[in-house]
Amino acid sequence: MSFNIIYTKKALKNLNKYKKKNKTVYKQLKEGIYKIEKNPYKSSNKQLESIRCPKCKRHKVGNYRIVYYIHTKSNIIEIQNVIARKSDYNEY
């Protein structure tokens, strides 16, 4: 099954921040997104316990987390946000 990736404005903003700030982290995050695209249901990608986005999942990339939602009917993965681990998940 092939998935397409779309990004929220917040996710793009944070990715661009890492692209300017730390190219190594940016490269790792892009590789993580590629892995999500290939297998979004991987067992290590945990589902968030959230009221706002109860079906969102997160993927670990070093000290960063990629928060995403899978639109199964349309085969789209929506990258909600890319955040540092030390940041909290208050918005999710």
PDB file of N, CA and C in Angstrom:
ATOM      1  N   MET A   1       0.847  -1.171   0.000  1.00  0.00           N
ATOM      2  CA  MET A   1       0.000   0.000   0.000  1.00  0.00           C
ATOM      3  C   MET A   1       0.895   1.238   0.000  1.00  0.00           C
ATOM      4  N   SER A   2       0.624   2.139  -0.883  1.00  0.00           N
ATOM      5  CA  SER A   2       1.428   3.350  -1.018  1.00  0.00           C
ATOM      6  C   SER A   2       0.707   4.535  -0.376  1.00  0.00           C
ATOM      7  N   PHE A   3       1.445   5.297   0.395  1.00  0.00           N
ATOM      8  CA  PHE A   3       0.889   6.470   1.071  1.00  0.00           C
ATOM      9  C   PHE A   3       1.517   7.740   0.528  1.00  0.00           C
ATOM     10  N   ASN A   4       0.747   8.808   0.550  1.00  0.00           N
ATOM     11  CA  ASN A   4       1.262  10.137   0.223  1.00  0.00           C
ATOM     12  C   ASN A   4       1.416  10.908   1.524  1.00  0.00           C
ATOM     13  N   ILE A   5       2.405  11.789   1.555  1.00  0.00           N
ATOM     14  CA  ILE A   5       2.682  12.588   2.748  1.00  0.00           C
ATOM     15  C   ILE A   5       2.202  14.017   2.516  1.00  0.00           C
ATOM     16  N   ILE A   6       1.471  14.556   3.499  1.00  0.00           N
ATOM     17  CA  ILE A   6       1.150  15.980   3.505  1.00  0.00           C
ATOM     18  C   ILE A   6       1.583  16.539   4.862  1.00  0.00           C
ATOM     19  N   TYR A   7       1.830  17.833   4.908  1.00  0.00           N
ATOM     20  CA  TYR A   7       2.336  18.479   6.118  1.00  0.00           C
ATOM     21  C   TYR A   7       1.392  19.596   6.549  1.00  0.00           C
ATOM     22  N   THR A   8       1.230  19.757   7.855  1.00  0.00           N
ATOM     23  CA  THR A   8       0.525  20.929   8.363  1.00  0.00           C
ATOM     24  C   THR A   8       1.490  22.109   8.323  1.00  0.00           C
ATOM     25  N   LYS A   9       0.961  23.310   8.458  1.00  0.00           N
ATOM     26  CA  LYS A   9       1.816  24.506   8.475  1.00  0.00           C
ATOM     27  C   LYS A   9       2.812  24.444   9.622  1.00  0.00           C
ATOM     28  N   LYS A  10       2.349  23.977  10.765  1.00  0.00           N
ATOM     29  CA  LYS A  10       3.218  23.892  11.943  1.00  0.00           C
ATOM     30  C   LYS A  10       4.372  22.918  11.704  1.00  0.00           C
ATOM     31  N   ALA A  11       4.080  21.782  11.093  1.00  0.00           N
ATOM     32  CA  ALA A  11       5.120  20.792  10.812  1.00  0.00           C
ATOM     33  C   ALA A  11       6.150  21.357   9.839  1.00  0.00           C
ATOM     34  N   LEU A  12       5.680  22.030   8.788  1.00  0.00           N
ATOM     35  CA  LEU A  12       6.606  22.635   7.826  1.00  0.00           C
ATOM     36  C   LEU A  12       7.463  23.709   8.480  1.00  0.00           C
ATOM     37  N   LYS A  13       6.859  24.506   9.335  1.00  0.00           N
ATOM     38  CA  LYS A  13       7.590  25.563  10.032  1.00  0.00           C
ATOM     39  C   LYS A  13       8.714  24.962  10.880  1.00  0.00           C
ATOM     40  N   ASN A  14       8.397  23.912  11.633  1.00  0.00           N
ATOM     41  CA  ASN A  14       9.408  23.289  12.482  1.00  0.00           C
ATOM     42  C   ASN A  14      10.479  22.570  11.667  1.00  0.00           C
ATOM     43  N   LEU A  15      10.089  21.904  10.592  1.00  0.00           N
ATOM     44  CA  LEU A  15      11.086  21.254   9.733  1.00  0.00           C
ATOM     45  C   LEU A  15      12.044  22.280   9.141  1.00  0.00           C
ATOM     46  N   ASN A  16      11.505  23.396   8.670  1.00  0.00           N
ATOM     47  CA  ASN A  16      12.361  24.447   8.109  1.00  0.00           C
ATOM     48  C   ASN A  16      13.280  25.041   9.165  1.00  0.00           C
ATOM     49  N   LYS A  17      12.800  25.111  10.408  1.00  0.00           N
ATOM     50  CA  LYS A  17      13.633  25.605  11.506  1.00  0.00           C
ATOM     51  C   LYS A  17      14.835  24.680  11.702  1.00  0.00           C
ATOM     52  N   TYR A  18      14.591  23.363  11.686  1.00  0.00           N
ATOM     53  CA  TYR A  18      15.690  22.407  11.846  1.00  0.00           C
ATOM     54  C   TYR A  18      16.596  22.397  10.626  1.00  0.00           C
ATOM     55  N   LYS A  19      16.029  22.655   9.466  1.00  0.00           N
ATOM     56  CA  LYS A  19      16.834  22.695   8.239  1.00  0.00           C
ATOM     57  C   LYS A  19      17.864  23.812   8.319  1.00  0.00           C
ATOM     58  N   LYS A  20      17.464  24.965   8.859  1.00  0.00           N
ATOM     59  CA  LYS A  20      18.378  26.100   8.995  1.00  0.00           C
ATOM     60  C   LYS A  20      19.328  25.923  10.173  1.00  0.00           C
ATOM     61  N   LYS A  21      18.810  25.365  11.257  1.00  0.00           N
ATOM     62  CA  LYS A  21      19.539  25.304  12.519  1.00  0.00           C
ATOM     63  C   LYS A  21      20.528  24.134  12.577  1.00  0.00           C
ATOM     64  N   ASN A  22      20.096  22.952  12.141  1.00  0.00           N
ATOM     65  CA  ASN A  22      20.912  21.751  12.280  1.00  0.00           C
ATOM     66  C   ASN A  22      20.597  20.783  11.140  1.00  0.00           C
ATOM     67  N   LYS A  23      21.442  20.784  10.129  1.00  0.00           N
ATOM     68  CA  LYS A  23      21.185  19.976   8.931  1.00  0.00           C
ATOM     69  C   LYS A  23      21.208  18.474   9.218  1.00  0.00           C
ATOM     70  N   THR A  24      22.000  18.047  10.205  1.00  0.00           N
ATOM     71  CA  THR A  24      22.046  16.627  10.554  1.00  0.00           C
ATOM     72  C   THR A  24      20.701  16.167  11.102  1.00  0.00           C
ATOM     73  N   VAL A  25      20.133  16.947  12.013  1.00  0.00           N
ATOM     74  CA  VAL A  25      18.817  16.625  12.577  1.00  0.00           C
ATOM     75  C   VAL A  25      17.769  16.638  11.472  1.00  0.00           C
ATOM     76  N   TYR A  26      17.839  17.630  10.592  1.00  0.00           N
ATOM     77  CA  TYR A  26      16.888  17.724   9.484  1.00  0.00           C
ATOM     78  C   TYR A  26      16.947  16.460   8.620  1.00  0.00           C
ATOM     79  N   LYS A  27      18.146  15.996   8.320  1.00  0.00           N
ATOM     80  CA  LYS A  27      18.310  14.798   7.501  1.00  0.00           C
ATOM     81  C   LYS A  27      17.720  13.575   8.214  1.00  0.00           C
ATOM     82  N   GLN A  28      17.954  13.470   9.525  1.00  0.00           N
ATOM     83  CA  GLN A  28      17.397  12.357  10.297  1.00  0.00           C
ATOM     84  C   GLN A  28      15.869  12.403  10.305  1.00  0.00           C
ATOM     85  N   LEU A  29      15.318  13.603  10.439  1.00  0.00           N
ATOM     86  CA  LEU A  29      13.859  13.748  10.437  1.00  0.00           C
ATOM     87  C   LEU A  29      13.268  13.356   9.086  1.00  0.00           C
ATOM     88  N   LYS A  30      13.917  13.763   8.002  1.00  0.00           N
ATOM     89  CA  LYS A  30      13.432  13.397   6.666  1.00  0.00           C
ATOM     90  C   LYS A  30      13.491  11.879   6.465  1.00  0.00           C
ATOM     91  N   GLU A  31      14.551  11.240   6.981  1.00  0.00           N
ATOM     92  CA  GLU A  31      14.643   9.780   6.907  1.00  0.00           C
ATOM     93  C   GLU A  31      13.527   9.128   7.724  1.00  0.00           C
ATOM     94  N   GLY A  32      13.214   9.717   8.883  1.00  0.00           N
ATOM     95  CA  GLY A  32      12.117   9.214   9.710  1.00  0.00           C
ATOM     96  C   GLY A  32      10.783   9.319   8.996  1.00  0.00           C
ATOM     97  N   ILE A  33      10.570  10.429   8.311  1.00  0.00           N
ATOM     98  CA  ILE A  33       9.327  10.613   7.550  1.00  0.00           C
ATOM     99  C   ILE A  33       9.248   9.597   6.414  1.00  0.00           C
ATOM    100  N   TYR A  34      10.384   9.313   5.786  1.00  0.00           N
ATOM    101  CA  TYR A  34      10.429   8.304   4.727  1.00  0.00           C
ATOM    102  C   TYR A  34      10.044   6.929   5.288  1.00  0.00           C
ATOM    103  N   LYS A  35      10.544   6.613   6.497  1.00  0.00           N
ATOM    104  CA  LYS A  35      10.205   5.331   7.130  1.00  0.00           C
ATOM    105  C   LYS A  35       8.717   5.259   7.454  1.00  0.00           C
ATOM    106  N   ILE A  36       8.157   6.373   7.911  1.00  0.00           N
ATOM    107  CA  ILE A  36       6.717   6.419   8.191  1.00  0.00           C
ATOM    108  C   ILE A  36       5.933   6.173   6.907  1.00  0.00           C
ATOM    109  N   GLU A  37       6.383   6.786   5.825  1.00  0.00           N
ATOM    110  CA  GLU A  37       5.699   6.627   4.533  1.00  0.00           C
ATOM    111  C   GLU A  37       5.691   5.159   4.102  1.00  0.00           C
ATOM    112  N   LYS A  38       6.787   4.463   4.344  1.00  0.00           N
ATOM    113  CA  LYS A  38       6.895   3.064   3.932  1.00  0.00           C
ATOM    114  C   LYS A  38       6.104   2.121   4.841  1.00  0.00           C
ATOM    115  N   ASN A  39       6.059   2.423   6.150  1.00  0.00           N
ATOM    116  CA  ASN A  39       5.357   1.551   7.085  1.00  0.00           C
ATOM    117  C   ASN A  39       4.782   2.364   8.243  1.00  0.00           C
ATOM    118  N   PRO A  40       3.645   3.026   8.052  1.00  0.00           N
ATOM    119  CA  PRO A  40       3.082   3.878   9.104  1.00  0.00           C
ATOM    120  C   PRO A  40       2.500   3.096  10.280  1.00  0.00           C
ATOM    121  N   TYR A  41       2.274   1.809  10.105  1.00  0.00           N
ATOM    122  CA  TYR A  41       1.667   0.996  11.156  1.00  0.00           C
ATOM    123  C   TYR A  41       2.697   0.231  11.986  1.00  0.00           C
ATOM    124  N   LYS A  42       3.961   0.558  11.853  1.00  0.00           N
ATOM    125  CA  LYS A  42       5.032  -0.120  12.586  1.00  0.00           C
ATOM    126  C   LYS A  42       4.707  -0.118  14.081  1.00  0.00           C
ATOM    127  N   SER A  43       4.961  -1.242  14.740  1.00  0.00           N
ATOM    128  CA  SER A  43       4.556  -1.391  16.143  1.00  0.00           C
ATOM    129  C   SER A  43       5.274  -0.430  17.086  1.00  0.00           C
ATOM    130  N   SER A  44       6.466   0.025  16.735  1.00  0.00           N
ATOM    131  CA  SER A  44       7.183   0.957  17.614  1.00  0.00           C
ATOM    132  C   SER A  44       6.644   2.385  17.503  1.00  0.00           C
ATOM    133  N   ASN A  45       5.808   2.655  16.506  1.00  0.00           N
ATOM    134  CA  ASN A  45       5.167   3.966  16.375  1.00  0.00           C
ATOM    135  C   ASN A  45       3.922   3.959  17.253  1.00  0.00           C
ATOM    136  N   LYS A  46       4.036   4.577  18.406  1.00  0.00           N
ATOM    137  CA  LYS A  46       2.966   4.493  19.397  1.00  0.00           C
ATOM    138  C   LYS A  46       1.846   5.480  19.126  1.00  0.00           C
ATOM    139  N   GLN A  47       0.654   5.053  19.503  1.00  0.00           N
ATOM    140  CA  GLN A  47      -0.508   5.925  19.393  1.00  0.00           C
ATOM    141  C   GLN A  47      -0.526   6.862  20.595  1.00  0.00           C
ATOM    142  N   LEU A  48      -0.805   8.135  20.341  1.00  0.00           N
ATOM    143  CA  LEU A  48      -0.862   9.112  21.420  1.00  0.00           C
ATOM    144  C   LEU A  48      -2.181   8.981  22.173  1.00  0.00           C
ATOM    145  N   GLU A  49      -2.118   9.193  23.464  1.00  0.00           N
ATOM    146  CA  GLU A  49      -3.334   9.226  24.277  1.00  0.00           C
ATOM    147  C   GLU A  49      -3.744  10.681  24.382  1.00  0.00           C
ATOM    148  N   SER A  50      -4.586  11.103  23.465  1.00  0.00           N
ATOM    149  CA  SER A  50      -4.891  12.515  23.336  1.00  0.00           C
ATOM    150  C   SER A  50      -6.376  12.732  23.095  1.00  0.00           C
ATOM    151  N   ILE A  51      -6.864  13.821  23.619  1.00  0.00           N
ATOM    152  CA  ILE A  51      -8.255  14.191  23.363  1.00  0.00           C
ATOM    153  C   ILE A  51      -8.355  14.891  22.010  1.00  0.00           C
ATOM    154  N   ARG A  52      -7.395  15.748  21.723  1.00  0.00           N
ATOM    155  CA  ARG A  52      -7.431  16.542  20.489  1.00  0.00           C
ATOM    156  C   ARG A  52      -7.221  15.689  19.245  1.00  0.00           C
ATOM    157  N   CYS A  53      -6.314  14.760  19.325  1.00  0.00           N
ATOM    158  CA  CYS A  53      -6.001  13.916  18.167  1.00  0.00           C
ATOM    159  C   CYS A  53      -5.871  12.466  18.644  1.00  0.00           C
ATOM    160  N   PRO A  54      -6.994  11.804  18.934  1.00  0.00           N
ATOM    161  CA  PRO A  54      -6.937  10.474  19.544  1.00  0.00           C
ATOM    162  C   PRO A  54      -6.341   9.388  18.652  1.00  0.00           C
ATOM    163  N   LYS A  55      -6.295   9.621  17.358  1.00  0.00           N
ATOM    164  CA  LYS A  55      -5.751   8.598  16.462  1.00  0.00           C
ATOM    165  C   LYS A  55      -4.375   8.961  15.916  1.00  0.00           C
ATOM    166  N   CYS A  56      -3.767   9.987  16.480  1.00  0.00           N
ATOM    167  CA  CYS A  56      -2.419  10.369  16.052  1.00  0.00           C
ATOM    168  C   CYS A  56      -1.402   9.370  16.589  1.00  0.00           C
ATOM    169  N   LYS A  57      -0.341   9.202  15.834  1.00  0.00           N
ATOM    170  CA  LYS A  57       0.767   8.344  16.242  1.00  0.00           C
ATOM    171  C   LYS A  57       2.023   9.191  16.320  1.00  0.00           C
ATOM    172  N   ARG A  58       3.044   8.641  16.955  1.00  0.00           N
ATOM    173  CA  ARG A  58       4.313   9.342  16.990  1.00  0.00           C
ATOM    174  C   ARG A  58       5.435   8.376  16.644  1.00  0.00           C
ATOM    175  N   HIS A  59       6.430   8.915  15.984  1.00  0.00           N
ATOM    176  CA  HIS A  59       7.600   8.152  15.565  1.00  0.00           C
ATOM    177  C   HIS A  59       8.823   8.813  16.181  1.00  0.00           C
ATOM    178  N   LYS A  60       9.662   8.021  16.856  1.00  0.00           N
ATOM    179  CA  LYS A  60      10.868   8.552  17.495  1.00  0.00           C
ATOM    180  C   LYS A  60      11.992   8.677  16.478  1.00  0.00           C
ATOM    181  N   VAL A  61      12.673   9.816  16.530  1.00  0.00           N
ATOM    182  CA  VAL A  61      13.885  10.029  15.740  1.00  0.00           C
ATOM    183  C   VAL A  61      14.875  10.712  16.676  1.00  0.00           C
ATOM    184  N   GLY A  62      15.721   9.924  17.332  1.00  0.00           N
ATOM    185  CA  GLY A  62      16.655  10.494  18.297  1.00  0.00           C
ATOM    186  C   GLY A  62      15.904  11.191  19.414  1.00  0.00           C
ATOM    187  N   ASN A  63      16.205  12.460  19.628  1.00  0.00           N
ATOM    188  CA  ASN A  63      15.535  13.259  20.654  1.00  0.00           C
ATOM    189  C   ASN A  63      14.344  14.030  20.104  1.00  0.00           C
ATOM    190  N   TYR A  64      13.843  13.623  18.965  1.00  0.00           N
ATOM    191  CA  TYR A  64      12.732  14.312  18.311  1.00  0.00           C
ATOM    192  C   TYR A  64      11.591  13.342  18.075  1.00  0.00           C
ATOM    193  N   ARG A  65      10.397  13.896  17.920  1.00  0.00           N
ATOM    194  CA  ARG A  65       9.209  13.091  17.665  1.00  0.00           C
ATOM    195  C   ARG A  65       8.471  13.654  16.461  1.00  0.00           C
ATOM    196  N   ILE A  66       8.032  12.751  15.604  1.00  0.00           N
ATOM    197  CA  ILE A  66       7.200  13.126  14.464  1.00  0.00           C
ATOM    198  C   ILE A  66       5.787  12.660  14.797  1.00  0.00           C
ATOM    199  N   VAL A  67       4.866  13.596  14.890  1.00  0.00           N
ATOM    200  CA  VAL A  67       3.473  13.285  15.207  1.00  0.00           C
ATOM    201  C   VAL A  67       2.701  13.271  13.892  1.00  0.00           C
ATOM    202  N   TYR A  68       1.967  12.178  13.647  1.00  0.00           N
ATOM    203  CA  TYR A  68       1.269  12.062  12.370  1.00  0.00           C
ATOM    204  C   TYR A  68      -0.075  11.374  12.528  1.00  0.00           C
ATOM    205  N   TYR A  69      -0.902  11.557  11.515  1.00  0.00           N
ATOM    206  CA  TYR A  69      -2.234  10.959  11.463  1.00  0.00           C
ATOM    207  C   TYR A  69      -2.382  10.241  10.127  1.00  0.00           C
ATOM    208  N   ILE A  70      -2.954   9.056  10.157  1.00  0.00           N
ATOM    209  CA  ILE A  70      -3.128   8.263   8.939  1.00  0.00           C
ATOM    210  C   ILE A  70      -4.578   8.372   8.469  1.00  0.00           C
ATOM    211  N   HIS A  71      -4.763   8.877   7.253  1.00  0.00           N
ATOM    212  CA  HIS A  71      -6.082   8.897   6.605  1.00  0.00           C
ATOM    213  C   HIS A  71      -6.163   7.613   5.773  1.00  0.00           C
ATOM    214  N   THR A  72      -6.732   6.561   6.338  1.00  0.00           N
ATOM    215  CA  THR A  72      -6.686   5.251   5.693  1.00  0.00           C
ATOM    216  C   THR A  72      -7.472   5.186   4.391  1.00  0.00           C
ATOM    217  N   LYS A  73      -8.600   5.860   4.323  1.00  0.00           N
ATOM    218  CA  LYS A  73      -9.431   5.785   3.117  1.00  0.00           C
ATOM    219  C   LYS A  73      -8.754   6.417   1.909  1.00  0.00           C
ATOM    220  N   SER A  74      -8.004   7.480   2.142  1.00  0.00           N
ATOM    221  CA  SER A  74      -7.364   8.186   1.030  1.00  0.00           C
ATOM    222  C   SER A  74      -5.869   7.898   0.927  1.00  0.00           C
ATOM    223  N   ASN A  75      -5.348   7.006   1.769  1.00  0.00           N
ATOM    224  CA  ASN A  75      -3.924   6.646   1.765  1.00  0.00           C
ATOM    225  C   ASN A  75      -3.015   7.863   1.899  1.00  0.00           C
ATOM    226  N   ILE A  76      -3.350   8.717   2.848  1.00  0.00           N
ATOM    227  CA  ILE A  76      -2.562   9.923   3.108  1.00  0.00           C
ATOM    228  C   ILE A  76      -2.075   9.895   4.546  1.00  0.00           C
ATOM    229  N   ILE A  77      -0.824  10.274   4.731  1.00  0.00           N
ATOM    230  CA  ILE A  77      -0.267  10.460   6.064  1.00  0.00           C
ATOM    231  C   ILE A  77      -0.075  11.954   6.250  1.00  0.00           C
ATOM    232  N   GLU A  78      -0.713  12.489   7.275  1.00  0.00           N
ATOM    233  CA  GLU A  78      -0.613  13.921   7.563  1.00  0.00           C
ATOM    234  C   GLU A  78       0.370  14.117   8.715  1.00  0.00           C
ATOM    235  N   ILE A  79       1.503  14.739   8.413  1.00  0.00           N
ATOM    236  CA  ILE A  79       2.487  15.042   9.450  1.00  0.00           C
ATOM    237  C   ILE A  79       1.953  16.245  10.218  1.00  0.00           C
ATOM    238  N   GLN A  80       1.584  16.024  11.476  1.00  0.00           N
ATOM    239  CA  GLN A  80       0.989  17.067  12.306  1.00  0.00           C
ATOM    240  C   GLN A  80       2.038  18.026  12.857  1.00  0.00           C
ATOM    241  N   ASN A  81       3.155  17.459  13.336  1.00  0.00           N
ATOM    242  CA  ASN A  81       4.184  18.299  13.939  1.00  0.00           C
ATOM    243  C   ASN A  81       5.478  17.513  14.076  1.00  0.00           C
ATOM    244  N   VAL A  82       6.569  18.244  14.193  1.00  0.00           N
ATOM    245  CA  VAL A  82       7.883  17.691  14.482  1.00  0.00           C
ATOM    246  C   VAL A  82       8.383  18.460  15.694  1.00  0.00           C
ATOM    247  N   ILE A  83       8.561  17.750  16.810  1.00  0.00           N
ATOM    248  CA  ILE A  83       8.916  18.439  18.048  1.00  0.00           C
ATOM    249  C   ILE A  83      10.089  17.760  18.737  1.00  0.00           C
ATOM    250  N   ALA A  84      10.809  18.538  19.534  1.00  0.00           N
ATOM    251  CA  ALA A  84      11.893  17.996  20.343  1.00  0.00           C
ATOM    252  C   ALA A  84      11.294  17.208  21.497  1.00  0.00           C
ATOM    253  N   ARG A  85      11.980  16.185  21.933  1.00  0.00           N
ATOM    254  CA  ARG A  85      11.476  15.340  23.009  1.00  0.00           C
ATOM    255  C   ARG A  85      11.261  16.135  24.288  1.00  0.00           C
ATOM    256  N   LYS A  86      12.150  17.087  24.544  1.00  0.00           N
ATOM    257  CA  LYS A  86      12.022  17.864  25.781  1.00  0.00           C
ATOM    258  C   LYS A  86      10.774  18.748  25.773  1.00  0.00           C
ATOM    259  N   SER A  87      10.266  19.057  24.586  1.00  0.00           N
ATOM    260  CA  SER A  87       8.987  19.772  24.505  1.00  0.00           C
ATOM    261  C   SER A  87       7.892  18.817  24.946  1.00  0.00           C
ATOM    262  N   ASP A  88       6.835  19.362  25.452  1.00  0.00           N
ATOM    263  CA  ASP A  88       5.757  18.474  25.864  1.00  0.00           C
ATOM    264  C   ASP A  88       4.714  18.353  24.762  1.00  0.00           C
ATOM    265  N   TYR A  89       3.825  17.419  24.950  1.00  0.00           N
ATOM    266  CA  TYR A  89       2.786  17.129  23.975  1.00  0.00           C
ATOM    267  C   TYR A  89       1.485  17.832  24.339  1.00  0.00           C
ATOM    268  N   ASN A  90       1.545  18.976  25.000  1.00  0.00           N
ATOM    269  CA  ASN A  90       0.340  19.639  25.498  1.00  0.00           C
ATOM    270  C   ASN A  90      -0.710  19.855  24.421  1.00  0.00           C
ATOM    271  N   GLU A  91      -0.281  20.146  23.208  1.00  0.00           N
ATOM    272  CA  GLU A  91      -1.258  20.430  22.161  1.00  0.00           C
ATOM    273  C   GLU A  91      -1.857  19.165  21.568  1.00  0.00           C
ATOM    274  N   TYR A  92      -1.354  18.017  21.977  1.00  0.00           N
ATOM    275  CA  TYR A  92      -1.885  16.755  21.468  1.00  0.00           C
ATOM    276  C   TYR A  92      -2.497  16.015  22.605  1.00  0.00           C
TER     277      TYR A  92
END
